[in-house]
Amino acid sequence: MLRKLLSTPNDATLTLARIILAMIFFAHGSQKMFGFFGGRGVSGTIEIFQQTMGIPAPLTILAMTAEVFGALGLFLGLLSRIAASGVLVVMIVAPFANHLYPHFFMNWQGRQMGEGYEYHLLAIALIVTILVRGGGALSLDRAIASER
């Protein structure tokens, strides 16, 4: 079972997808968890999630943890499928949280009320690729699976 979980082809495109996802999710998660990149940190994120979406603190902490630790797992290619599962849940739930994303297109120019969910669909497509194929070349998963 572990071999199946870690198996992945020597595919550089999977590595690229994995690394890009890791960078994006680490940036978003570290805004929430550490206050990096102009974020609010844990207490501010909990407060804003409760006020705007009615999401309880434990679920907010779970989302932050999935983003930060999922990003680290993706970056290293360590348990890539598990890491991808965590961030997938975040991407599936986010657009439905209190109907915050009523449009398809992102609100690049600030001309519409709310945001769009196109970003989420792109992320989901890349995440599903990692779930199905694994972390690819230059992943710890591949190195561990090769040793076994």
Protein backbone atom coordinates (compact mmCIF):
# COMPACT_ATOMS: atom_id res chain seq x y z
CA MET A 1 0.00 0.00 0.00
CA LEU A 2 2.85 2.41 0.81
CA ARG A 3 4.48 1.64 -2.54
CA LYS A 4 1.23 2.54 -4.33
CA LEU A 5 0.96 5.78 -2.33
CA LEU A 6 4.54 6.81 -3.17
CA SER A 7 4.77 5.54 -6.75
CA THR A 8 5.23 8.21 -9.36
CA PRO A 9 6.82 8.46 -12.80
CA ASN A 10 10.05 10.34 -13.49
CA ASP A 11 8.05 13.20 -14.97
CA ALA A 12 9.33 16.78 -14.76
CA THR A 13 5.91 18.25 -15.59
CA LEU A 14 4.52 16.73 -12.39
CA THR A 15 7.40 18.29 -10.50
CA LEU A 16 6.60 21.67 -12.03
CA ALA A 17 2.91 21.39 -11.11
CA ARG A 18 3.80 20.26 -7.59
CA ILE A 19 6.28 23.09 -6.97
CA ILE A 20 3.94 25.79 -8.35
CA LEU A 21 1.09 24.50 -6.19
CA ALA A 22 3.41 24.44 -3.17
CA MET A 23 4.46 28.05 -3.68
CA ILE A 24 0.89 29.28 -4.07
CA PHE A 25 -0.49 27.36 -1.11
CA PHE A 26 2.42 28.27 1.14
CA ALA A 27 1.92 31.95 0.31
CA HIS A 28 -1.81 31.79 1.08
CA GLY A 29 -1.42 29.59 4.15
CA SER A 30 1.40 31.67 5.60
CA GLN A 31 -0.73 34.80 5.26
CA LYS A 32 -3.33 33.12 7.42
CA MET A 33 -1.04 31.32 9.85
CA PHE A 34 1.97 33.64 10.21
CA GLY A 35 0.76 37.00 8.93
CA PHE A 36 3.29 36.92 6.08
CA PHE A 37 2.66 38.80 2.82
CA GLY A 38 0.24 41.23 4.46
CA GLY A 39 -1.86 38.50 6.06
CA ARG A 40 -3.71 38.66 9.36
CA GLY A 41 -2.07 35.78 11.21
CA VAL A 42 -3.96 33.13 13.17
CA SER A 43 -6.15 35.33 15.36
CA GLY A 44 -7.03 37.77 12.58
CA THR A 45 -7.83 34.95 10.18
CA ILE A 46 -10.03 33.19 12.72
CA GLU A 47 -11.85 36.45 13.38
CA ILE A 48 -12.44 37.28 9.70
CA PHE A 49 -13.51 33.71 8.84
CA GLN A 50 -16.02 33.75 11.70
CA GLN A 51 -17.38 37.21 10.88
CA THR A 52 -17.62 36.94 7.10
CA MET A 53 -18.30 33.24 6.53
CA GLY A 54 -19.43 31.88 9.88
CA ILE A 55 -16.61 29.32 9.84
CA PRO A 56 -15.70 28.14 13.37
CA ALA A 57 -12.15 28.47 14.66
CA PRO A 58 -11.28 24.74 14.51
CA LEU A 59 -12.17 24.55 10.81
CA THR A 60 -10.21 27.73 10.10
CA ILE A 61 -7.18 26.24 11.84
CA LEU A 62 -7.64 23.04 9.84
CA ALA A 63 -7.68 25.02 6.58
CA MET A 64 -4.55 26.96 7.56
CA THR A 65 -2.78 23.75 8.52
CA ALA A 66 -3.77 22.03 5.28
CA GLU A 67 -2.43 24.95 3.25
CA VAL A 68 0.90 25.33 5.08
CA PHE A 69 1.75 21.68 5.69
CA GLY A 70 0.20 20.58 2.41
CA ALA A 71 2.45 23.10 0.67
CA LEU A 72 5.51 21.77 2.48
CA GLY A 73 4.63 18.20 1.53
CA LEU A 74 4.09 19.24 -2.07
CA PHE A 75 7.33 21.20 -2.21
CA LEU A 76 9.35 18.24 -0.94
CA GLY A 77 7.30 15.71 -2.84
CA LEU A 78 6.79 13.88 0.45
CA LEU A 79 3.46 12.06 0.68
CA SER A 80 2.45 14.17 -2.30
CA ARG A 81 -0.96 12.55 -2.68
CA ILE A 82 -1.85 13.15 0.98
CA ALA A 83 -0.62 16.75 0.79
CA ALA A 84 -2.63 17.25 -2.40
CA SER A 85 -5.73 15.83 -0.71
CA GLY A 86 -5.52 18.44 2.04
CA VAL A 87 -5.28 21.39 -0.31
CA LEU A 88 -7.95 19.88 -2.57
CA VAL A 89 -10.47 20.02 0.26
CA VAL A 90 -9.60 23.68 0.81
CA MET A 91 -10.09 24.46 -2.90
CA ILE A 92 -13.41 22.63 -3.07
CA VAL A 93 -14.84 24.26 0.05
CA ALA A 94 -13.58 27.83 -0.51
CA PRO A 95 -15.93 28.88 -3.33
CA PHE A 96 -18.96 27.58 -1.44
CA ALA A 97 -18.13 29.23 1.88
CA ASN A 98 -21.02 31.65 2.29
CA HIS A 99 -21.33 32.10 -1.50
CA LEU A 100 -18.29 34.36 -1.60
CA TYR A 101 -17.48 33.53 -5.22
CA PRO A 102 -20.65 34.08 -7.26
CA HIS A 103 -18.88 34.64 -10.59
CA PHE A 104 -16.67 32.59 -12.86
CA PHE A 105 -14.03 35.25 -13.54
CA MET A 106 -11.69 36.64 -10.90
CA ASN A 107 -12.33 40.26 -9.99
CA TRP A 108 -9.09 41.59 -11.48
CA GLN A 109 -10.29 45.16 -12.04
CA GLY A 110 -12.64 45.40 -9.06
CA ARG A 111 -15.67 45.93 -11.31
CA GLN A 112 -17.88 43.18 -9.93
CA MET A 113 -19.24 42.32 -6.53
CA GLY A 114 -17.37 39.36 -5.08
CA GLU A 115 -14.78 37.12 -6.67
CA GLY A 116 -14.78 34.36 -9.24
CA TYR A 117 -13.88 30.70 -8.90
CA GLU A 118 -11.67 30.27 -11.99
CA TYR A 119 -8.54 30.16 -9.80
CA HIS A 120 -10.05 27.35 -7.77
CA LEU A 121 -10.79 25.32 -10.90
CA LEU A 122 -7.20 25.72 -12.12
CA ALA A 123 -5.83 24.68 -8.74
CA ILE A 124 -8.20 21.69 -8.57
CA ALA A 125 -7.05 20.52 -12.02
CA LEU A 126 -3.38 20.63 -10.97
CA ILE A 127 -4.12 19.00 -7.62
CA VAL A 128 -6.05 16.13 -9.23
CA THR A 129 -3.08 15.59 -11.55
CA ILE A 130 -0.81 15.13 -8.51
CA LEU A 131 -3.40 12.87 -6.83
CA VAL A 132 -3.58 10.60 -9.85
CA ARG A 133 0.06 10.59 -11.00
CA GLY A 134 2.05 11.45 -7.87
CA GLY A 135 4.82 13.95 -7.22
CA GLY A 136 6.93 13.20 -10.28
CA ALA A 137 10.66 13.59 -10.72
CA LEU A 138 12.70 15.12 -7.90
CA SER A 139 10.20 14.04 -5.25
CA LEU A 140 11.02 12.31 -1.99
CA ASP A 141 8.14 9.95 -2.79
CA ARG A 142 10.01 8.75 -5.88
CA ALA A 143 13.28 8.41 -4.00
CA ILE A 144 11.64 6.39 -1.19
CA ALA A 145 9.69 4.20 -3.64
CA SER A 146 12.87 3.51 -5.65
CA GLU A 147 14.72 2.35 -2.53
CA ARG A 148 11.97 -0.13 -1.68
